[in-house]
Protein backbone atom coordinates (compact mmCIF):
# COMPACT_ATOMS: atom_id res chain seq x y z
CA LYS A 1 -40.88 -78.65 -9.83
CA TRP A 2 -43.39 -76.65 -11.86
CA LEU A 3 -44.26 -79.05 -14.69
CA GLY A 4 -43.98 -82.39 -12.93
CA PRO A 5 -42.68 -85.28 -15.08
CA HIS A 6 -40.31 -84.49 -17.92
CA ASP A 7 -42.79 -85.58 -20.58
CA TRP A 8 -42.68 -82.03 -21.97
CA VAL A 9 -39.36 -83.02 -23.57
CA HIS A 10 -41.32 -85.16 -26.05
CA ASP A 11 -44.40 -82.93 -26.14
CA LEU A 12 -43.53 -79.24 -26.06
CA GLY A 13 -47.22 -78.41 -26.06
CA ARG A 14 -47.13 -79.15 -22.32
CA LEU A 15 -45.03 -76.01 -21.85
CA GLU A 16 -48.17 -73.98 -22.55
CA ARG A 17 -48.99 -74.49 -18.86
CA LEU A 18 -46.14 -72.11 -18.00
CA LYS A 19 -48.11 -69.17 -19.41
CA GLU A 20 -50.42 -69.38 -16.40
CA LEU A 21 -47.34 -68.97 -14.17
CA SER A 22 -45.75 -66.10 -16.10
CA SER A 23 -46.68 -63.56 -13.39
CA ASN A 24 -46.26 -65.89 -10.42
CA PRO A 25 -43.61 -64.23 -8.14
CA GLU A 26 -42.09 -67.51 -6.94
CA PHE A 27 -41.88 -68.95 -10.45
CA GLN A 28 -40.39 -65.68 -11.72
CA ARG A 29 -37.70 -65.87 -9.04
CA ASP A 30 -36.77 -69.38 -10.12
CA TRP A 31 -36.75 -68.30 -13.77
CA GLN A 32 -34.58 -65.25 -13.06
CA GLU A 33 -32.15 -67.31 -11.00
CA MET A 34 -31.77 -69.75 -13.91
CA LYS A 35 -31.07 -66.83 -16.25
CA ARG A 36 -28.56 -65.25 -13.85
CA TYR A 37 -26.69 -68.54 -13.59
CA ASN A 38 -26.42 -68.82 -17.38
CA LYS A 39 -25.41 -65.18 -17.75
CA ARG A 40 -22.65 -65.55 -15.18
CA LYS A 41 -21.44 -68.62 -17.04
CA LEU A 42 -21.40 -66.63 -20.31
CA ALA A 43 -19.65 -63.67 -18.63
CA GLU A 44 -16.88 -65.98 -17.40
CA PHE A 45 -16.57 -67.46 -20.89
CA ILE A 46 -16.25 -63.96 -22.41
CA GLU A 47 -13.54 -63.02 -19.94
CA ARG A 48 -11.57 -66.19 -20.70
CA THR A 49 -12.03 -65.95 -24.47
CA CYS A 50 -12.02 -62.21 -25.18
CA ASP A 51 -10.27 -60.81 -22.09
CA VAL A 52 -13.16 -58.42 -21.52
CA ASP A 53 -14.78 -58.09 -18.09
CA VAL A 54 -18.57 -57.76 -18.43
CA ASP A 55 -21.33 -57.25 -15.87
CA ALA A 56 -23.76 -60.17 -15.75
CA ASP A 57 -26.51 -57.78 -14.58
CA ALA A 58 -26.33 -55.83 -17.86
CA MET A 59 -28.55 -56.73 -20.81
CA PHE A 60 -26.84 -59.35 -22.95
CA ASP A 61 -27.75 -58.39 -26.51
CA VAL A 62 -26.70 -61.22 -28.85
CA HIS A 63 -26.23 -61.44 -32.62
CA VAL A 64 -24.72 -64.80 -33.60
CA LYS A 65 -25.02 -65.91 -37.21
CA ARG A 66 -23.05 -66.47 -40.38
CA ILE A 67 -21.62 -63.08 -41.34
CA HIS A 68 -23.42 -61.81 -44.43
CA GLU A 69 -24.67 -58.50 -45.77
CA TYR A 70 -28.30 -59.57 -45.71
CA LYS A 71 -28.03 -60.71 -42.08
CA ARG A 72 -27.06 -57.11 -41.31
CA GLN A 73 -24.45 -57.36 -38.59
CA PHE A 74 -23.36 -54.09 -40.20
CA MET A 75 -26.58 -52.38 -39.08
CA ASN A 76 -26.17 -53.75 -35.57
CA ILE A 77 -22.65 -52.39 -35.11
CA LEU A 78 -23.73 -49.03 -36.54
CA GLY A 79 -26.46 -48.99 -33.90
CA VAL A 80 -23.86 -49.81 -31.24
CA ALA A 81 -21.68 -46.94 -32.44
CA TYR A 82 -24.67 -44.59 -32.24
CA ARG A 83 -25.42 -45.76 -28.68
CA TYR A 84 -21.79 -45.05 -27.71
CA LEU A 85 -21.83 -41.57 -29.26
CA ARG A 86 -25.13 -40.85 -27.53
CA ILE A 87 -23.66 -41.80 -24.13
CA LEU A 88 -20.67 -39.53 -24.75
CA SER A 89 -23.02 -36.71 -25.69
CA LEU A 90 -25.03 -37.12 -22.47
CA LEU A 91 -21.80 -37.08 -20.47
CA ALA A 92 -20.52 -33.97 -22.22
CA GLU A 93 -23.81 -32.14 -21.68
CA GLU A 94 -24.02 -33.39 -18.08
CA LYS A 95 -27.50 -34.81 -18.58
CA PHE A 96 -27.15 -37.22 -15.70
CA ASP A 97 -30.88 -37.90 -15.32
CA GLU A 98 -31.03 -39.18 -18.90
CA LEU A 99 -27.77 -41.05 -18.41
CA ARG A 100 -29.29 -42.96 -15.49
CA GLN A 101 -32.02 -44.18 -17.85
CA VAL A 102 -29.48 -45.83 -20.18
CA VAL A 103 -29.69 -49.61 -19.87
CA PRO A 104 -26.22 -51.13 -19.32
CA LYS A 105 -25.63 -53.44 -22.24
CA VAL A 106 -23.16 -56.07 -23.43
CA VAL A 107 -23.39 -56.55 -27.20
CA ILE A 108 -22.19 -59.99 -28.26
CA PHE A 109 -21.30 -60.91 -31.84
CA ALA A 110 -20.17 -64.28 -33.15
CA GLY A 111 -20.12 -65.97 -36.53
CA LYS A 112 -17.93 -66.84 -39.47
CA ALA A 113 -17.47 -65.36 -42.93
CA ALA A 114 -16.78 -67.27 -46.13
CA PRO A 115 -13.04 -67.25 -46.95
CA ASN A 116 -13.38 -65.05 -50.04
CA TYR A 117 -16.22 -62.82 -48.80
CA SER A 118 -14.31 -59.55 -48.39
CA VAL A 119 -17.35 -57.44 -47.42
CA ALA A 120 -18.21 -59.79 -44.56
CA LYS A 121 -14.61 -59.68 -43.36
CA ASP A 122 -14.69 -55.88 -43.45
CA VAL A 123 -17.80 -56.00 -41.24
CA ILE A 124 -15.90 -58.15 -38.71
CA LYS A 125 -13.00 -55.68 -38.80
CA LEU A 126 -15.41 -52.80 -38.16
CA ILE A 127 -17.02 -54.65 -35.25
CA ILE A 128 -13.62 -55.26 -33.68
CA ALA A 129 -12.48 -51.66 -34.28
CA ILE A 130 -15.59 -50.21 -32.63
CA ALA A 131 -15.39 -52.77 -29.81
CA ASP A 132 -11.77 -51.82 -29.06
CA THR A 133 -12.68 -48.13 -28.89
CA ILE A 134 -15.69 -48.65 -26.63
CA ASN A 135 -14.11 -51.19 -24.29
CA SER A 136 -11.06 -49.00 -23.70
CA ASP A 137 -13.09 -45.83 -22.96
CA THR A 138 -13.20 -45.56 -19.16
CA ARG A 139 -15.58 -42.59 -19.29
CA ILE A 140 -18.61 -44.77 -19.98
CA GLY A 141 -17.91 -47.31 -17.24
CA GLY A 142 -20.07 -50.42 -17.59
CA LEU A 143 -22.81 -48.79 -19.67
CA LEU A 144 -21.62 -50.47 -22.86
CA LYS A 145 -19.31 -53.32 -23.79
CA VAL A 146 -18.86 -55.05 -27.16
CA VAL A 147 -17.29 -58.43 -27.87
CA PHE A 148 -16.75 -60.57 -30.94
CA ILE A 149 -16.43 -64.18 -29.83
CA PRO A 150 -14.14 -66.13 -32.21
CA ASN A 151 -14.53 -69.65 -33.59
CA TYR A 152 -18.29 -69.83 -33.25
CA ASN A 153 -19.56 -73.41 -33.20
CA VAL A 154 -22.17 -75.58 -31.49
CA SER A 155 -20.21 -75.80 -28.24
CA VAL A 156 -19.92 -72.01 -28.07
CA ALA A 157 -23.61 -71.65 -28.91
CA GLU A 158 -24.46 -73.88 -25.95
CA VAL A 159 -22.96 -71.20 -23.69
CA ILE A 160 -24.18 -68.09 -25.54
CA ILE A 161 -27.81 -68.95 -26.21
CA PRO A 162 -28.91 -69.73 -22.61
CA GLY A 163 -27.13 -66.56 -21.39
CA SER A 164 -28.82 -64.13 -23.78
CA ASP A 165 -31.47 -61.57 -22.84
CA LEU A 166 -32.14 -60.16 -26.30
CA SER A 167 -31.39 -61.92 -29.57
CA GLN A 168 -31.21 -60.07 -32.88
CA HIS A 169 -32.56 -61.67 -36.08
CA ILE A 170 -32.55 -58.72 -38.40
CA SER A 171 -32.06 -60.06 -41.93
CA THR A 172 -33.35 -57.97 -44.81
CA ALA A 173 -36.98 -58.97 -45.43
CA GLY A 174 -37.26 -61.45 -48.29
CA PHE A 175 -33.70 -62.79 -47.97
CA GLU A 176 -34.08 -65.28 -45.09
CA ALA A 177 -35.52 -68.66 -46.12
CA SER A 178 -36.58 -69.46 -42.56
CA GLY A 179 -34.10 -69.29 -39.73
CA THR A 180 -34.16 -71.63 -36.74
CA SER A 181 -31.76 -70.10 -34.20
CA ASN A 182 -34.47 -67.59 -33.23
CA MET A 183 -36.56 -70.53 -31.97
CA LYS A 184 -33.63 -71.80 -29.89
CA PHE A 185 -33.19 -68.40 -28.27
CA CYS A 186 -36.90 -68.21 -27.39
CA MET A 187 -36.73 -71.67 -25.84
CA ASN A 188 -33.87 -70.47 -23.64
CA GLY A 189 -35.64 -67.43 -22.20
CA SER A 190 -34.55 -64.73 -24.64
CA LEU A 191 -36.72 -62.15 -26.39
CA LEU A 192 -36.30 -61.46 -30.10
CA LEU A 193 -35.61 -58.22 -31.90
CA GLY A 194 -36.41 -59.02 -35.51
CA SER A 195 -37.09 -57.85 -39.01
CA ARG A 196 -40.29 -58.82 -40.80
CA ASP A 197 -38.77 -61.88 -42.42
CA GLY A 198 -38.56 -65.66 -42.24
CA ALA A 199 -39.64 -67.46 -39.10
CA ASN A 200 -39.79 -64.16 -37.19
CA LEU A 201 -43.26 -63.66 -38.64
CA GLU A 202 -44.43 -67.08 -37.45
CA ILE A 203 -42.86 -66.54 -34.03
CA GLU A 204 -44.68 -63.23 -33.77
CA GLN A 205 -47.96 -65.07 -34.39
CA SER A 206 -47.12 -67.61 -31.67
CA VAL A 207 -45.78 -65.37 -28.91
CA GLY A 208 -47.89 -62.28 -29.59
CA ARG A 209 -46.81 -58.83 -30.74
CA ALA A 210 -46.27 -57.67 -27.16
CA ASN A 211 -43.51 -60.25 -26.67
CA ILE A 212 -41.31 -59.54 -29.69
CA PHE A 213 -39.69 -56.36 -31.02
CA MET A 214 -40.27 -56.06 -34.78
CA PHE A 215 -39.13 -53.33 -37.15
CA GLY A 216 -38.35 -52.41 -40.73
CA ALA A 217 -39.72 -52.84 -44.22
CA ASN A 218 -41.54 -56.03 -45.15
CA THR A 219 -40.75 -58.17 -48.18
CA LYS A 220 -43.09 -56.34 -50.54
CA GLU A 221 -41.75 -52.94 -49.46
CA VAL A 222 -38.16 -54.11 -49.90
CA ARG A 223 -38.83 -55.22 -53.47
CA THR A 224 -40.41 -51.87 -54.29
CA LEU A 225 -37.52 -49.97 -52.71
CA GLN A 226 -34.96 -52.05 -54.59
CA THR A 227 -36.58 -51.30 -57.96
CA THR A 228 -36.54 -47.56 -57.25
CA MET A 229 -33.20 -47.27 -55.44
CA GLN A 230 -31.48 -45.68 -58.43
CA TYR A 231 -34.02 -42.87 -58.52
CA ARG A 232 -34.47 -42.01 -54.85
CA LYS A 233 -33.18 -38.73 -53.49
CA PRO A 234 -29.89 -39.05 -51.57
CA GLN A 235 -31.04 -38.82 -47.96
CA LEU A 236 -29.77 -40.50 -44.82
CA ASP A 237 -31.12 -40.72 -41.28
CA GLY A 238 -29.40 -37.97 -39.30
CA ARG A 239 -28.24 -40.39 -36.60
CA LEU A 240 -26.76 -42.72 -39.21
CA ALA A 241 -25.08 -39.79 -40.98
CA HIS A 242 -23.46 -38.82 -37.66
CA VAL A 243 -22.15 -42.36 -37.13
CA THR A 244 -20.70 -42.66 -40.63
CA GLN A 245 -19.02 -39.28 -40.28
CA GLU A 246 -17.35 -40.43 -37.07
CA ILE A 247 -16.20 -43.66 -38.73
CA ARG A 248 -14.67 -41.76 -41.64
CA SER A 249 -13.03 -39.27 -39.25
CA GLY A 250 -11.03 -42.02 -37.56
CA ARG A 251 -12.76 -42.11 -34.17
CA PHE A 252 -12.81 -45.91 -34.38
CA GLY A 253 -9.32 -46.35 -35.75
CA PRO A 254 -7.34 -45.37 -38.83
CA THR A 255 -9.39 -47.43 -41.29
CA SER A 256 -12.17 -45.35 -42.88
CA PHE A 257 -14.20 -48.33 -44.16
CA ASP A 258 -15.21 -46.26 -47.20
CA SER A 259 -16.68 -49.17 -49.17
CA LEU A 260 -18.94 -50.17 -46.28
CA VAL A 261 -20.06 -46.61 -45.61
CA ASP A 262 -20.74 -45.97 -49.31
CA SER A 263 -23.05 -49.00 -49.39
CA LEU A 264 -25.46 -47.04 -47.17
CA LEU A 265 -26.22 -44.47 -49.85
CA PRO A 266 -29.80 -44.89 -51.17
CA GLU A 267 -28.61 -45.91 -54.64
CA ASN A 268 -26.42 -48.66 -53.11
CA ASP A 269 -28.65 -49.71 -50.20
CA ARG A 270 -29.65 -53.13 -51.51
CA TYR A 271 -29.98 -54.66 -48.04
CA MET A 272 -31.95 -51.72 -46.60
CA VAL A 273 -29.46 -50.98 -43.82
CA GLY A 274 -29.83 -47.24 -44.33
CA HIS A 275 -33.56 -47.42 -44.94
CA ASP A 276 -34.37 -49.49 -41.82
CA PHE A 277 -31.86 -47.85 -39.47
CA GLY A 278 -34.32 -45.40 -37.90
CA SER A 279 -36.96 -48.01 -37.10
CA TYR A 280 -34.20 -50.33 -35.87
CA LEU A 281 -33.10 -47.77 -33.28
CA GLU A 282 -36.71 -47.29 -32.22
CA ALA A 283 -37.11 -51.05 -31.69
CA LEU A 284 -33.96 -51.04 -29.54
CA GLU A 285 -35.42 -48.22 -27.44
CA VAL A 286 -38.62 -50.22 -26.92
CA SER A 287 -36.60 -53.26 -25.81
CA ASP A 288 -34.58 -51.07 -23.41
CA ALA A 289 -37.80 -49.73 -21.87
CA ALA A 290 -39.09 -53.28 -21.38
CA PHE A 291 -35.82 -54.43 -19.78
CA ARG A 292 -36.08 -51.67 -17.15
CA LYS A 293 -39.14 -53.53 -15.76
CA PRO A 294 -37.74 -56.92 -14.64
CA GLU A 295 -41.07 -58.51 -13.73
CA GLU A 296 -42.68 -57.60 -17.04
CA TRP A 297 -39.57 -58.68 -18.97
CA THR A 298 -39.50 -62.02 -17.18
CA ALA A 299 -43.19 -62.60 -17.91
CA LYS A 300 -42.55 -61.93 -21.61
CA THR A 301 -39.67 -64.42 -21.74
CA ILE A 302 -41.80 -67.10 -20.04
CA VAL A 303 -44.66 -66.62 -22.51
CA SER A 304 -42.20 -66.64 -25.40
CA CYS A 305 -40.61 -69.91 -24.27
CA ALA A 306 -43.96 -71.55 -23.61
CA SER A 307 -45.14 -70.70 -27.13
CA MET A 308 -42.50 -72.66 -29.03
CA SER A 309 -44.31 -76.00 -29.42
CA ARG A 310 -45.38 -75.02 -32.93
CA PHE A 311 -41.73 -75.19 -34.01
CA SER A 312 -40.92 -78.58 -32.48
CA SER A 313 -39.50 -81.19 -34.86
CA ASP A 314 -41.60 -83.76 -32.97
CA ARG A 315 -44.75 -81.85 -33.91
CA CYS A 316 -43.60 -81.51 -37.50
CA ILE A 317 -42.73 -85.20 -37.94
CA ARG A 318 -45.95 -86.26 -36.21
CA GLU A 319 -47.97 -84.23 -38.73
CA TYR A 320 -46.04 -85.73 -41.63
CA ALA A 321 -46.73 -89.20 -40.21
CA GLU A 322 -50.45 -88.48 -39.92
CA LYS A 323 -51.09 -86.48 -43.09
CA ILE A 324 -48.49 -87.69 -45.61
CA TRP A 325 -46.95 -91.00 -44.59
CA ASN A 326 -50.18 -92.41 -43.08
CA VAL A 327 -48.28 -94.31 -40.39
CA GLU A 328 -49.01 -94.73 -36.69
CA PRO A 329 -46.45 -93.99 -33.96
CA HIS A 330 -44.87 -96.98 -32.25
CA GLN A 331 -44.09 -96.50 -28.57
CA PHE A 332 -40.60 -97.77 -27.75
CA ARG A 333 -40.41 -99.89 -24.59
CA PRO A 334 -37.00 -100.98 -23.24
CA PRO A 335 -36.63 -104.76 -22.83
CA ASN A 336 -37.34 -106.14 -19.35
CA LYS A 337 -34.29 -107.74 -17.76
CA ASN A 338 -36.43 -110.48 -16.15
CA THR A 339 -38.06 -111.69 -19.35
CA SER A 340 -37.20 -115.09 -20.81
CA SER A 341 -34.67 -115.52 -23.57
CA SER A 342 -37.50 -116.17 -26.03
CA SER A 343 -39.05 -112.81 -25.13
CA ASN A 344 -35.68 -111.19 -25.61
CA ASN A 345 -35.43 -112.76 -29.04
CA ASN A 346 -38.88 -111.41 -29.89
CA ASN A 347 -37.83 -107.98 -28.69
CA LYS A 348 -34.73 -108.17 -30.87
CA ASN A 349 -36.86 -109.05 -33.87
CA ASN A 350 -39.23 -106.20 -33.08
CA ASN A 351 -36.33 -103.81 -32.66
CA ASN A 352 -34.89 -104.92 -36.01
CA ASN A 353 -38.25 -104.22 -37.62
CA ASN A 354 -38.38 -100.83 -35.92
CA ASN A 355 -34.87 -100.04 -37.14
CA ASN A 356 -35.90 -100.98 -40.67
CA ASN A 357 -38.88 -98.63 -40.39
CA ILE A 358 -36.62 -95.82 -39.16
CA ASN A 359 -34.19 -96.46 -42.01
CA ASN A 360 -37.06 -96.32 -44.47
CA ILE A 361 -38.12 -92.94 -43.07
CA ILE A 362 -34.55 -91.62 -43.28
CA ILE A 363 -34.28 -92.83 -46.88
CA PHE A 364 -37.59 -91.13 -47.57
CA PHE A 365 -36.17 -87.79 -46.39
CA PHE A 366 -33.17 -88.09 -48.70
CA CYS A 367 -35.24 -89.22 -51.67
CA VAL A 368 -37.79 -86.43 -51.57
CA GLY A 369 -35.14 -83.84 -50.71
CA LEU A 370 -37.16 -82.31 -47.86
CA PRO A 371 -35.10 -79.37 -46.50
CA TRP A 372 -33.79 -80.43 -43.10
CA GLY A 373 -34.18 -76.87 -41.82
CA TRP A 374 -37.94 -77.28 -42.29
CA VAL A 375 -37.99 -80.32 -40.05
CA ARG A 376 -35.73 -78.82 -37.40
CA GLY A 377 -37.63 -75.56 -37.47
CA GLY A 378 -41.07 -77.08 -37.70
CA ARG A 379 -41.87 -75.55 -41.08
CA GLY A 380 -43.84 -78.57 -42.22
CA LEU A 381 -47.58 -78.64 -42.66
CA LYS A 382 -49.31 -75.71 -40.97
């Protein structure tokens, strides 16, 4: 309807035209309807899978990745716990005006841990413990829900990614080689909340600082902090200290999670969870403020989606063909049913030659050992 022919599928650069429509009311309505459909689909999936009823009008805040300390699901769930405690505090103090400003949110986790990775499994246990406490607390109504979707795989991702509003990519700076799921989320109308690491930095360049929520120490700062961590004074963000105290006290179940909590101390904070926690909460507040303005939020998601051509594998392979392989593209044309048998034979011969060329390219990839994530994520020649 808005782009005409589907040639953008093979040339994502054509999506750039959507930027001109980012503030168009009619186009925004179509975009929002698409997002609502996908969010309802995800909400139904969550109810079937997790037995948790969620409101599709709430912000769907998604963190789906392999469970690892450097990917910092731990920091996310600590932020969720702080949000919960803050809501309870507003209720207790009867600050209803402030309470009305709280954005209803569904926090969605998914991912798998290595079989012998005990720390990652403890993080999953903590997520589930906090989720059980929050989801069973009727005082907060629909202001906050938390789910951990089991058995994460491609089929599950096909439901989660299109239904997300905000996607978290918050690895410790310097630990993420690239990352490609952030690109998929952008393509599906989600905004990113990210650390200054990996492809987040390149996405920031493409979409613009106004359309991504960045926080935390950069790679150089992390290295400096790691070399001095044994000598820093023991200090902790007051909000984080409050959360850890509540975890130890048993608010979220009988397990105290001492080993996880102790890892937040400055001398143990290798993955900068404690160090970045304050700026992480501030980035969440900025994203909440943006979500309260639906038209502006929608415009940001449109611009973000339309800026993803840089990360297309088609673009990457085309540049390799032009600048490294020195080959020209061959346009595939399906055989005509009305052609003579001799023409069909010629087409078969041509197709065999094309297949040989494709096989040669595939062999080339394996021989040179080019990381497949670079091709999928478009991290080829700049």
